[in-house]
PDB file of N, CA and C in Angstrom:
ATOM      1  N   MET A   1     -75.909 117.374-159.445  1.00  0.00           N
ATOM      2  CA  MET A   1     -75.460 116.067-159.036  1.00  0.00           C
ATOM      3  C   MET A   1     -75.183 116.098-157.527  1.00  0.00           C
ATOM      4  N   ALA A   2     -75.708 115.147-156.822  1.00  0.00           N
ATOM      5  CA  ALA A   2     -75.549 115.078-155.372  1.00  0.00           C
ATOM      6  C   ALA A   2     -74.204 114.445-155.016  1.00  0.00           C
ATOM      7  N   ILE A   3     -73.594 114.974-153.978  1.00  0.00           N
ATOM      8  CA  ILE A   3     -72.337 114.418-153.494  1.00  0.00           C
ATOM      9  C   ILE A   3     -72.662 113.165-152.686  1.00  0.00           C
ATOM     10  N   PRO A   4     -71.948 112.064-152.959  1.00  0.00           N
ATOM     11  CA  PRO A   4     -72.215 110.835-152.201  1.00  0.00           C
ATOM     12  C   PRO A   4     -72.023 111.050-150.695  1.00  0.00           C
ATOM     13  N   LEU A   5     -72.825 110.357-149.918  1.00  0.00           N
ATOM     14  CA  LEU A   5     -72.799 110.469-148.463  1.00  0.00           C
ATOM     15  C   LEU A   5     -71.407 110.165-147.914  1.00  0.00           C
ATOM     16  N   ARG A   6     -70.758 109.167-148.486  1.00  0.00           N
ATOM     17  CA  ARG A   6     -69.415 108.780-148.037  1.00  0.00           C
ATOM     18  C   ARG A   6     -68.447 109.961-148.140  1.00  0.00           C
ATOM     19  N   ASN A   7     -68.510 110.702-149.245  1.00  0.00           N
ATOM     20  CA  ASN A   7     -67.630 111.858-149.439  1.00  0.00           C
ATOM     21  C   ASN A   7     -67.944 112.964-148.440  1.00  0.00           C
ATOM     22  N   THR A   8     -69.220 113.184-148.200  1.00  0.00           N
ATOM     23  CA  THR A   8     -69.629 114.215-147.245  1.00  0.00           C
ATOM     24  C   THR A   8     -69.112 113.900-145.846  1.00  0.00           C
ATOM     25  N   ILE A   9     -69.264 112.660-145.439  1.00  0.00           N
ATOM     26  CA  ILE A   9     -68.802 112.245-144.110  1.00  0.00           C
ATOM     27  C   ILE A   9     -67.283 112.358-144.024  1.00  0.00           C
ATOM     28  N   TYR A  10     -66.584 111.933-145.074  1.00  0.00           N
ATOM     29  CA  TYR A  10     -65.120 112.019-145.075  1.00  0.00           C
ATOM     30  C   TYR A  10     -64.657 113.468-144.964  1.00  0.00           C
ATOM     31  N   GLU A  11     -65.315 114.371-145.682  1.00  0.00           N
ATOM     32  CA  GLU A  11     -64.938 115.785-145.628  1.00  0.00           C
ATOM     33  C   GLU A  11     -65.155 116.364-144.230  1.00  0.00           C
ATOM     34  N   LYS A  12     -66.261 115.981-143.582  1.00  0.00           N
ATOM     35  CA  LYS A  12     -66.529 116.462-142.214  1.00  0.00           C
ATOM     36  C   LYS A  12     -65.430 115.997-141.259  1.00  0.00           C
ATOM     37  N   ILE A  13     -65.007 114.737-141.397  1.00  0.00           N
ATOM     38  CA  ILE A  13     -63.953 114.195-140.537  1.00  0.00           C
ATOM     39  C   ILE A  13     -62.624 114.890-140.846  1.00  0.00           C
ATOM     40  N   LYS A  14     -62.362 115.110-142.120  1.00  0.00           N
ATOM     41  CA  LYS A  14     -61.110 115.739-142.544  1.00  0.00           C
ATOM     42  C   LYS A  14     -61.000 117.163-141.993  1.00  0.00           C
ATOM     43  N   ILE A  15     -62.090 117.895-142.032  1.00  0.00           N
ATOM     44  CA  ILE A  15     -62.102 119.268-141.518  1.00  0.00           C
ATOM     45  C   ILE A  15     -61.869 119.276-140.007  1.00  0.00           C
ATOM     46  N   ALA A  16     -62.533 118.362-139.292  1.00  0.00           N
ATOM     47  CA  ALA A  16     -62.414 118.316-137.829  1.00  0.00           C
ATOM     48  C   ALA A  16     -61.092 117.692-137.391  1.00  0.00           C
ATOM     49  N   GLY A  17     -60.552 116.803-138.194  1.00  0.00           N
ATOM     50  CA  GLY A  17     -59.318 116.110-137.826  1.00  0.00           C
ATOM     51  C   GLY A  17     -59.593 114.886-136.974  1.00  0.00           C
ATOM     52  N   SER A  18     -60.304 115.069-135.889  1.00  0.00           N
ATOM     53  CA  SER A  18     -60.662 113.982-134.992  1.00  0.00           C
ATOM     54  C   SER A  18     -61.922 114.372-134.243  1.00  0.00           C
ATOM     55  N   LEU A  19     -62.877 113.460-134.194  1.00  0.00           N
ATOM     56  CA  LEU A  19     -64.116 113.716-133.462  1.00  0.00           C
ATOM     57  C   LEU A  19     -64.769 112.402-133.085  1.00  0.00           C
ATOM     58  N   THR A  20     -65.766 112.475-132.216  1.00  0.00           N
ATOM     59  CA  THR A  20     -66.486 111.266-131.816  1.00  0.00           C
ATOM     60  C   THR A  20     -67.630 111.022-132.789  1.00  0.00           C
ATOM     61  N   ASP A  21     -68.179 109.823-132.724  1.00  0.00           N
ATOM     62  CA  ASP A  21     -69.279 109.492-133.625  1.00  0.00           C
ATOM     63  C   ASP A  21     -70.506 110.348-133.346  1.00  0.00           C
ATOM     64  N   SER A  22     -70.748 110.693-132.091  1.00  0.00           N
ATOM     65  CA  SER A  22     -71.901 111.539-131.773  1.00  0.00           C
ATOM     66  C   SER A  22     -71.697 112.964-132.304  1.00  0.00           C
ATOM     67  N   GLU A  23     -70.460 113.474-132.216  1.00  0.00           N
ATOM     68  CA  GLU A  23     -70.165 114.801-132.760  1.00  0.00           C
ATOM     69  C   GLU A  23     -70.344 114.816-134.280  1.00  0.00           C
ATOM     70  N   LEU A  24     -69.906 113.760-134.935  1.00  0.00           N
ATOM     71  CA  LEU A  24     -70.064 113.658-136.382  1.00  0.00           C
ATOM     72  C   LEU A  24     -71.536 113.582-136.764  1.00  0.00           C
ATOM     73  N   SER A  25     -72.290 112.810-136.024  1.00  0.00           N
ATOM     74  CA  SER A  25     -73.724 112.693-136.280  1.00  0.00           C
ATOM     75  C   SER A  25     -74.422 114.044-136.124  1.00  0.00           C
ATOM     76  N   LYS A  26     -74.090 114.784-135.072  1.00  0.00           N
ATOM     77  CA  LYS A  26     -74.676 116.114-134.859  1.00  0.00           C
ATOM     78  C   LYS A  26     -74.286 117.076-135.976  1.00  0.00           C
ATOM     79  N   SER A  27     -73.046 116.970-136.433  1.00  0.00           N
ATOM     80  CA  SER A  27     -72.564 117.821-137.518  1.00  0.00           C
ATOM     81  C   SER A  27     -73.329 117.538-138.816  1.00  0.00           C
ATOM     82  N   LEU A  28     -73.614 116.275-139.070  1.00  0.00           N
ATOM     83  CA  LEU A  28     -74.384 115.905-140.262  1.00  0.00           C
ATOM     84  C   LEU A  28     -75.820 116.417-140.167  1.00  0.00           C
ATOM     85  N   ILE A  29     -76.411 116.318-138.991  1.00  0.00           N
ATOM     86  CA  ILE A  29     -77.778 116.801-138.793  1.00  0.00           C
ATOM     87  C   ILE A  29     -77.846 118.314-139.004  1.00  0.00           C
ATOM     88  N   LYS A  30     -76.833 119.040-138.491  1.00  0.00           N
ATOM     89  CA  LYS A  30     -76.774 120.494-138.702  1.00  0.00           C
ATOM     90  C   LYS A  30     -76.669 120.841-140.186  1.00  0.00           C
ATOM     91  N   ALA A  31     -76.013 119.955-140.946  1.00  0.00           N
ATOM     92  CA  ALA A  31     -75.851 120.182-142.386  1.00  0.00           C
ATOM     93  C   ALA A  31     -77.090 119.743-143.168  1.00  0.00           C
ATOM     94  N   GLY A  32     -78.100 119.244-142.448  1.00  0.00           N
ATOM     95  CA  GLY A  32     -79.339 118.830-143.100  1.00  0.00           C
ATOM     96  C   GLY A  32     -79.323 117.405-143.614  1.00  0.00           C
ATOM     97  N   ILE A  33     -78.380 116.605-143.136  1.00  0.00           N
ATOM     98  CA  ILE A  33     -78.282 115.208-143.568  1.00  0.00           C
ATOM     99  C   ILE A  33     -78.690 114.319-142.405  1.00  0.00           C
ATOM    100  N   SER A  34     -79.784 113.614-142.592  1.00  0.00           N
ATOM    101  CA  SER A  34     -80.271 112.697-141.571  1.00  0.00           C
ATOM    102  C   SER A  34     -80.218 111.284-142.147  1.00  0.00           C
ATOM    103  N   ILE A  35     -79.412 110.413-141.516  1.00  0.00           N
ATOM    104  CA  ILE A  35     -79.297 109.035-142.005  1.00  0.00           C
ATOM    105  C   ILE A  35     -79.521 108.081-140.838  1.00  0.00           C
ATOM    106  N   PRO A  36     -80.033 106.887-141.147  1.00  0.00           N
ATOM    107  CA  PRO A  36     -80.219 105.888-140.087  1.00  0.00           C
ATOM    108  C   PRO A  36     -78.865 105.440-139.522  1.00  0.00           C
ATOM    109  N   GLU A  37     -78.898 104.959-138.298  1.00  0.00           N
ATOM    110  CA  GLU A  37     -77.663 104.560-137.626  1.00  0.00           C
ATOM    111  C   GLU A  37     -76.936 103.441-138.366  1.00  0.00           C
ATOM    112  N   ASP A  38     -77.693 102.484-138.915  1.00  0.00           N
ATOM    113  CA  ASP A  38     -77.035 101.386-139.627  1.00  0.00           C
ATOM    114  C   ASP A  38     -76.322 101.871-140.897  1.00  0.00           C
ATOM    115  N   GLU A  39     -76.899 102.833-141.593  1.00  0.00           N
ATOM    116  CA  GLU A  39     -76.264 103.408-142.774  1.00  0.00           C
ATOM    117  C   GLU A  39     -75.024 104.215-142.369  1.00  0.00           C
ATOM    118  N   PHE A  40     -75.100 104.914-141.252  1.00  0.00           N
ATOM    119  CA  PHE A  40     -73.975 105.680-140.712  1.00  0.00           C
ATOM    120  C   PHE A  40     -72.812 104.740-140.395  1.00  0.00           C
ATOM    121  N   ASN A  41     -73.107 103.636-139.703  1.00  0.00           N
ATOM    122  CA  ASN A  41     -72.075 102.662-139.345  1.00  0.00           C
ATOM    123  C   ASN A  41     -71.475 101.995-140.583  1.00  0.00           C
ATOM    124  N   LYS A  42     -72.312 101.694-141.564  1.00  0.00           N
ATOM    125  CA  LYS A  42     -71.843 101.067-142.805  1.00  0.00           C
ATOM    126  C   LYS A  42     -70.887 102.007-143.548  1.00  0.00           C
ATOM    127  N   THR A  43     -71.222 103.274-143.587  1.00  0.00           N
ATOM    128  CA  THR A  43     -70.380 104.258-144.268  1.00  0.00           C
ATOM    129  C   THR A  43     -69.039 104.406-143.553  1.00  0.00           C
ATOM    130  N   LEU A  44     -69.062 104.450-142.220  1.00  0.00           N
ATOM    131  CA  LEU A  44     -67.813 104.523-141.462  1.00  0.00           C
ATOM    132  C   LEU A  44     -66.950 103.285-141.706  1.00  0.00           C
ATOM    133  N   LEU A  45     -67.584 102.125-141.755  1.00  0.00           N
ATOM    134  CA  LEU A  45     -66.861 100.879-142.005  1.00  0.00           C
ATOM    135  C   LEU A  45     -66.217 100.903-143.389  1.00  0.00           C
ATOM    136  N   ASN A  46     -66.959 101.360-144.394  1.00  0.00           N
ATOM    137  CA  ASN A  46     -66.408 101.444-145.747  1.00  0.00           C
ATOM    138  C   ASN A  46     -65.209 102.382-145.800  1.00  0.00           C
ATOM    139  N   LEU A  47     -65.309 103.533-145.154  1.00  0.00           N
ATOM    140  CA  LEU A  47     -64.193 104.474-145.134  1.00  0.00           C
ATOM    141  C   LEU A  47     -62.982 103.882-144.416  1.00  0.00           C
ATOM    142  N   GLU A  48     -63.248 103.092-143.385  1.00  0.00           N
ATOM    143  CA  GLU A  48     -62.147 102.459-142.663  1.00  0.00           C
ATOM    144  C   GLU A  48     -61.507 101.354-143.512  1.00  0.00           C
ATOM    145  N   ILE A  49     -62.311 100.605-144.233  1.00  0.00           N
ATOM    146  CA  ILE A  49     -61.788  99.559-145.116  1.00  0.00           C
ATOM    147  C   ILE A  49     -60.936 100.171-146.221  1.00  0.00           C
ATOM    148  N   TYR A  50     -61.364 101.306-146.753  1.00  0.00           N
ATOM    149  CA  TYR A  50     -60.593 101.992-147.793  1.00  0.00           C
ATOM    150  C   TYR A  50     -59.303 102.604-147.250  1.00  0.00           C
ATOM    151  N   GLY A  51     -59.143 102.613-145.934  1.00  0.00           N
ATOM    152  CA  GLY A  51     -57.934 103.150-145.322  1.00  0.00           C
ATOM    153  C   GLY A  51     -57.940 104.662-145.193  1.00  0.00           C
ATOM    154  N   LEU A  52     -59.112 105.281-145.293  1.00  0.00           N
ATOM    155  CA  LEU A  52     -59.198 106.736-145.218  1.00  0.00           C
ATOM    156  C   LEU A  52     -59.342 107.248-143.793  1.00  0.00           C
ATOM    157  N   ILE A  53     -59.995 106.460-142.935  1.00  0.00           N
ATOM    158  CA  ILE A  53     -60.201 106.872-141.550  1.00  0.00           C
ATOM    159  C   ILE A  53     -59.797 105.741-140.610  1.00  0.00           C
ATOM    160  N   LYS A  54     -59.678 106.090-139.339  1.00  0.00           N
ATOM    161  CA  LYS A  54     -59.393 105.104-138.302  1.00  0.00           C
ATOM    162  C   LYS A  54     -60.432 105.296-137.205  1.00  0.00           C
ATOM    163  N   VAL A  55     -61.100 104.228-136.831  1.00  0.00           N
ATOM    164  CA  VAL A  55     -62.142 104.279-135.803  1.00  0.00           C
ATOM    165  C   VAL A  55     -61.674 103.464-134.599  1.00  0.00           C
ATOM    166  N   THR A  56     -61.670 104.095-133.435  1.00  0.00           N
ATOM    167  CA  THR A  56     -61.301 103.404-132.201  1.00  0.00           C
ATOM    168  C   THR A  56     -62.398 103.624-131.160  1.00  0.00           C
ATOM    169  N   TRP A  57     -62.555 102.647-130.301  1.00  0.00           N
ATOM    170  CA  TRP A  57     -63.575 102.742-129.252  1.00  0.00           C
ATOM    171  C   TRP A  57     -63.015 103.484-128.054  1.00  0.00           C
ATOM    172  N   LEU A  58     -63.729 104.522-127.621  1.00  0.00           N
ATOM    173  CA  LEU A  58     -63.361 105.252-126.410  1.00  0.00           C
ATOM    174  C   LEU A  58     -64.035 104.639-125.198  1.00  0.00           C
ATOM    175  N   THR A  59     -65.330 104.436-125.313  1.00  0.00           N
ATOM    176  CA  THR A  59     -66.117 103.786-124.265  1.00  0.00           C
ATOM    177  C   THR A  59     -66.997 102.743-124.940  1.00  0.00           C
ATOM    178  N   LYS A  60     -67.849 102.120-124.155  1.00  0.00           N
ATOM    179  CA  LYS A  60     -68.730 101.092-124.705  1.00  0.00           C
ATOM    180  C   LYS A  60     -69.639 101.637-125.806  1.00  0.00           C
ATOM    181  N   ASP A  61     -70.054 102.892-125.686  1.00  0.00           N
ATOM    182  CA  ASP A  61     -71.008 103.463-126.622  1.00  0.00           C
ATOM    183  C   ASP A  61     -70.445 104.608-127.465  1.00  0.00           C
ATOM    184  N   GLU A  62     -69.164 104.906-127.335  1.00  0.00           N
ATOM    185  CA  GLU A  62     -68.620 106.060-128.036  1.00  0.00           C
ATOM    186  C   GLU A  62     -67.344 105.684-128.793  1.00  0.00           C
ATOM    187  N   ARG A  63     -67.254 106.164-130.036  1.00  0.00           N
ATOM    188  CA  ARG A  63     -66.097 105.888-130.881  1.00  0.00           C
ATOM    189  C   ARG A  63     -65.391 107.180-131.262  1.00  0.00           C
ATOM    190  N   ARG A  64     -64.096 107.090-131.421  1.00  0.00           N
ATOM    191  CA  ARG A  64     -63.302 108.225-131.896  1.00  0.00           C
ATOM    192  C   ARG A  64     -62.983 107.974-133.363  1.00  0.00           C
ATOM    193  N   ILE A  65     -63.224 108.975-134.194  1.00  0.00           N
ATOM    194  CA  ILE A  65     -63.009 108.857-135.626  1.00  0.00           C
ATOM    195  C   ILE A  65     -61.968 109.892-136.024  1.00  0.00           C
ATOM    196  N   GLU A  66     -60.948 109.441-136.758  1.00  0.00           N
ATOM    197  CA  GLU A  66     -59.906 110.361-137.201  1.00  0.00           C
ATOM    198  C   GLU A  66     -59.407 109.968-138.584  1.00  0.00           C
ATOM    199  N   ILE A  67     -58.778 110.911-139.237  1.00  0.00           N
ATOM    200  CA  ILE A  67     -58.210 110.665-140.554  1.00  0.00           C
ATOM    201  C   ILE A  67     -57.003 109.748-140.390  1.00  0.00           C
ATOM    202  N   SER A  68     -56.917 108.754-141.251  1.00  0.00           N
ATOM    203  CA  SER A  68     -55.795 107.830-141.222  1.00  0.00           C
ATOM    204  C   SER A  68     -54.598 108.480-141.887  1.00  0.00           C
ATOM    205  N   GLU A  69     -53.463 108.430-141.221  1.00  0.00           N
ATOM    206  CA  GLU A  69     -52.253 109.029-141.770  1.00  0.00           C
ATOM    207  C   GLU A  69     -51.577 108.023-142.687  1.00  0.00           C
ATOM    208  N   LYS A  70     -51.319 108.463-143.907  1.00  0.00           N
ATOM    209  CA  LYS A  70     -50.658 107.599-144.876  1.00  0.00           C
ATOM    210  C   LYS A  70     -49.177 107.939-144.914  1.00  0.00           C
ATOM    211  N   GLU A  71     -48.371 106.897-145.058  1.00  0.00           N
ATOM    212  CA  GLU A  71     -46.936 107.106-145.156  1.00  0.00           C
ATOM    213  C   GLU A  71     -46.583 107.342-146.617  1.00  0.00           C
ATOM    214  N   GLU A  72     -46.395 108.605-146.965  1.00  0.00           N
ATOM    215  CA  GLU A  72     -46.071 108.945-148.339  1.00  0.00           C
ATOM    216  C   GLU A  72     -44.569 109.017-148.565  1.00  0.00           C
ATOM    217  N   ASP A  73     -43.822 109.234-147.499  1.00  0.00           N
ATOM    218  CA  ASP A  73     -42.381 109.317-147.637  1.00  0.00           C
ATOM    219  C   ASP A  73     -41.799 107.918-147.753  1.00  0.00           C
ATOM    220  N   GLU A  74     -40.964 107.738-148.760  1.00  0.00           N
ATOM    221  CA  GLU A  74     -40.332 106.451-148.963  1.00  0.00           C
ATOM    222  C   GLU A  74     -39.144 106.338-148.023  1.00  0.00           C
ATOM    223  N   ASP A  75     -38.955 105.188-147.472  1.00  0.00           N
ATOM    224  CA  ASP A  75     -37.854 104.950-146.566  1.00  0.00           C
ATOM    225  C   ASP A  75     -36.535 105.157-147.312  1.00  0.00           C
ATOM    226  N   GLU A  76     -35.632 105.912-146.724  1.00  0.00           N
ATOM    227  CA  GLU A  76     -34.366 106.265-147.382  1.00  0.00           C
ATOM    228  C   GLU A  76     -33.514 105.033-147.661  1.00  0.00           C
ATOM    229  N   ILE A  77     -33.470 104.091-146.740  1.00  0.00           N
ATOM    230  CA  ILE A  77     -32.683 102.872-146.926  1.00  0.00           C
ATOM    231  C   ILE A  77     -33.276 102.044-148.056  1.00  0.00           C
ATOM    232  N   GLU A  78     -34.592 101.952-148.098  1.00  0.00           N
ATOM    233  CA  GLU A  78     -35.252 101.195-149.156  1.00  0.00           C
ATOM    234  C   GLU A  78     -34.976 101.827-150.520  1.00  0.00           C
ATOM    235  N   LYS A  79     -34.936 103.133-150.567  1.00  0.00           N
ATOM    236  CA  LYS A  79     -34.646 103.840-151.807  1.00  0.00           C
ATOM    237  C   LYS A  79     -33.224 103.522-152.287  1.00  0.00           C
ATOM    238  N   GLN A  80     -32.268 103.529-151.366  1.00  0.00           N
ATOM    239  CA  GLN A  80     -30.889 103.197-151.718  1.00  0.00           C
ATOM    240  C   GLN A  80     -30.768 101.757-152.193  1.00  0.00           C
ATOM    241  N   ASN A  81     -31.483 100.849-151.543  1.00  0.00           N
ATOM    242  CA  ASN A  81     -31.460  99.444-151.952  1.00  0.00           C
ATOM    243  C   ASN A  81     -31.989  99.271-153.374  1.00  0.00           C
ATOM    244  N   MET A  82     -33.056  99.985-153.705  1.00  0.00           N
ATOM    245  CA  MET A  82     -33.615  99.896-155.059  1.00  0.00           C
ATOM    246  C   MET A  82     -32.629 100.425-156.100  1.00  0.00           C
ATOM    247  N   GLU A  83     -31.942 101.528-155.775  1.00  0.00           N
ATOM    248  CA  GLU A  83     -30.946 102.075-156.695  1.00  0.00           C
ATOM    249  C   GLU A  83     -29.811 101.087-156.915  1.00  0.00           C
ATOM    250  N   ASN A  84     -29.355 100.435-155.845  1.00  0.00           N
ATOM    251  CA  ASN A  84     -28.291  99.437-155.960  1.00  0.00           C
ATOM    252  C   ASN A  84     -28.734  98.246-156.797  1.00  0.00           C
ATOM    253  N   LEU A  85     -29.962  97.803-156.608  1.00  0.00           N
ATOM    254  CA  LEU A  85     -30.481  96.684-157.391  1.00  0.00           C
ATOM    255  C   LEU A  85     -30.546  97.035-158.872  1.00  0.00           C
ATOM    256  N   GLU A  86     -30.954  98.259-159.182  1.00  0.00           N
ATOM    257  CA  GLU A  86     -31.009  98.693-160.573  1.00  0.00           C
ATOM    258  C   GLU A  86     -29.618  98.727-161.190  1.00  0.00           C
ATOM    259  N   LYS A  87     -28.625  99.222-160.446  1.00  0.00           N
ATOM    260  CA  LYS A  87     -27.245  99.270-160.947  1.00  0.00           C
ATOM    261  C   LYS A  87     -26.707  97.863-161.187  1.00  0.00           C
ATOM    262  N   GLU A  88     -26.974  96.948-160.247  1.00  0.00           N
ATOM    263  CA  GLU A  88     -26.527  95.565-160.405  1.00  0.00           C
ATOM    264  C   GLU A  88     -27.190  94.911-161.609  1.00  0.00           C
ATOM    265  N   TYR A  89     -28.452  95.179-161.809  1.00  0.00           N
ATOM    266  CA  TYR A  89     -29.179  94.619-162.940  1.00  0.00           C
ATOM    267  C   TYR A  89     -28.599  95.124-164.252  1.00  0.00           C
ATOM    268  N   GLU A  90     -28.349  96.440-164.326  1.00  0.00           N
ATOM    269  CA  GLU A  90     -27.798  97.034-165.537  1.00  0.00           C
ATOM    270  C   GLU A  90     -26.380  96.552-165.802  1.00  0.00           C
ATOM    271  N   SER A  91     -25.616  96.300-164.748  1.00  0.00           N
ATOM    272  CA  SER A  91     -24.247  95.836-164.945  1.00  0.00           C
ATOM    273  C   SER A  91     -24.207  94.394-165.445  1.00  0.00           C
ATOM    274  N   GLY A  92     -25.305  93.698-165.358  1.00  0.00           N
ATOM    275  CA  GLY A  92     -25.379  92.326-165.846  1.00  0.00           C
ATOM    276  C   GLY A  92     -25.467  92.234-167.358  1.00  0.00           C
ATOM    277  N   PHE A  93     -25.578  93.356-168.034  1.00  0.00           N
ATOM    278  CA  PHE A  93     -25.655  93.392-169.489  1.00  0.00           C
ATOM    279  C   PHE A  93     -24.480  94.199-170.030  1.00  0.00           C
ATOM    280  N   PRO A  94     -23.326  93.537-170.245  1.00  0.00           N
ATOM    281  CA  PRO A  94     -22.154  94.278-170.713  1.00  0.00           C
ATOM    282  C   PRO A  94     -22.360  94.832-172.121  1.00  0.00           C
ATOM    283  N   GLY A  95     -21.898  96.048-172.314  1.00  0.00           N
ATOM    284  CA  GLY A  95     -21.964  96.657-173.642  1.00  0.00           C
ATOM    285  C   GLY A  95     -23.261  97.378-173.926  1.00  0.00           C
ATOM    286  N   VAL A  96     -24.229  97.247-173.082  1.00  0.00           N
ATOM    287  CA  VAL A  96     -25.499  97.941-173.296  1.00  0.00           C
ATOM    288  C   VAL A  96     -25.294  99.397-172.932  1.00  0.00           C
ATOM    289  N   GLY A  97     -25.742 100.268-173.809  1.00  0.00           N
ATOM    290  CA  GLY A  97     -25.615 101.689-173.541  1.00  0.00           C
ATOM    291  C   GLY A  97     -24.318 102.246-174.092  1.00  0.00           C
ATOM    292  N   GLN A  98     -23.436 101.378-174.551  1.00  0.00           N
ATOM    293  CA  GLN A  98     -22.193 101.835-175.144  1.00  0.00           C
ATOM    294  C   GLN A  98     -22.220 101.460-176.609  1.00  0.00           C
ATOM    295  N   GLU A  99     -21.878 102.395-177.446  1.00  0.00           N
ATOM    296  CA  GLU A  99     -21.839 102.111-178.879  1.00  0.00           C
ATOM    297  C   GLU A  99     -20.556 101.394-179.211  1.00  0.00           C
ATOM    298  N   GLU A 100     -20.699 100.284-179.871  1.00  0.00           N
ATOM    299  CA  GLU A 100     -19.519  99.525-180.290  1.00  0.00           C
ATOM    300  C   GLU A 100     -19.201  99.894-181.724  1.00  0.00           C
ATOM    301  N   GLU A 101     -17.966 100.143-181.970  1.00  0.00           N
ATOM    302  CA  GLU A 101     -17.540 100.463-183.331  1.00  0.00           C
ATOM    303  C   GLU A 101     -17.263  99.177-184.062  1.00  0.00           C
ATOM    304  N   ILE A 102     -17.849  99.078-185.200  1.00  0.00           N
ATOM    305  CA  ILE A 102     -17.632  97.906-186.040  1.00  0.00           C
ATOM    306  C   ILE A 102     -16.629  98.288-187.109  1.00  0.00           C
ATOM    307  N   GLN A 103     -15.537  97.565-187.153  1.00  0.00           N
ATOM    308  CA  GLN A 103     -14.515  97.834-188.154  1.00  0.00           C
ATOM    309  C   GLN A 103     -14.627  96.803-189.261  1.00  0.00           C
ATOM    310  N   GLU A 104     -14.555  97.280-190.483  1.00  0.00           N
ATOM    311  CA  GLU A 104     -14.658  96.368-191.620  1.00  0.00           C
ATOM    312  C   GLU A 104     -13.318  96.101-192.199  1.00  0.00           C
TER     313      GLU A 104
END
């Protein structure tokens, strides 16, 4: 099974961390992958839309391509706010979670 071109390009960028479009193109050619420029640009655009890479223009004809950094750490204040909201919500239901004794 062949690895999709998009995955191959993403892996090359991930390994390099940051490179120009010409460097990426040369790296693909060295790996034996030759693609037309329009297909190359389309693949970069798709990766950028998916939020995996960030493409910025360095000069009129040269672009810098780098891995997009995702914010995986949750904001501490936001985390505390969510905990408070959950406590307030639970406190709105008196007697829930407590066993009531029924006397006959």
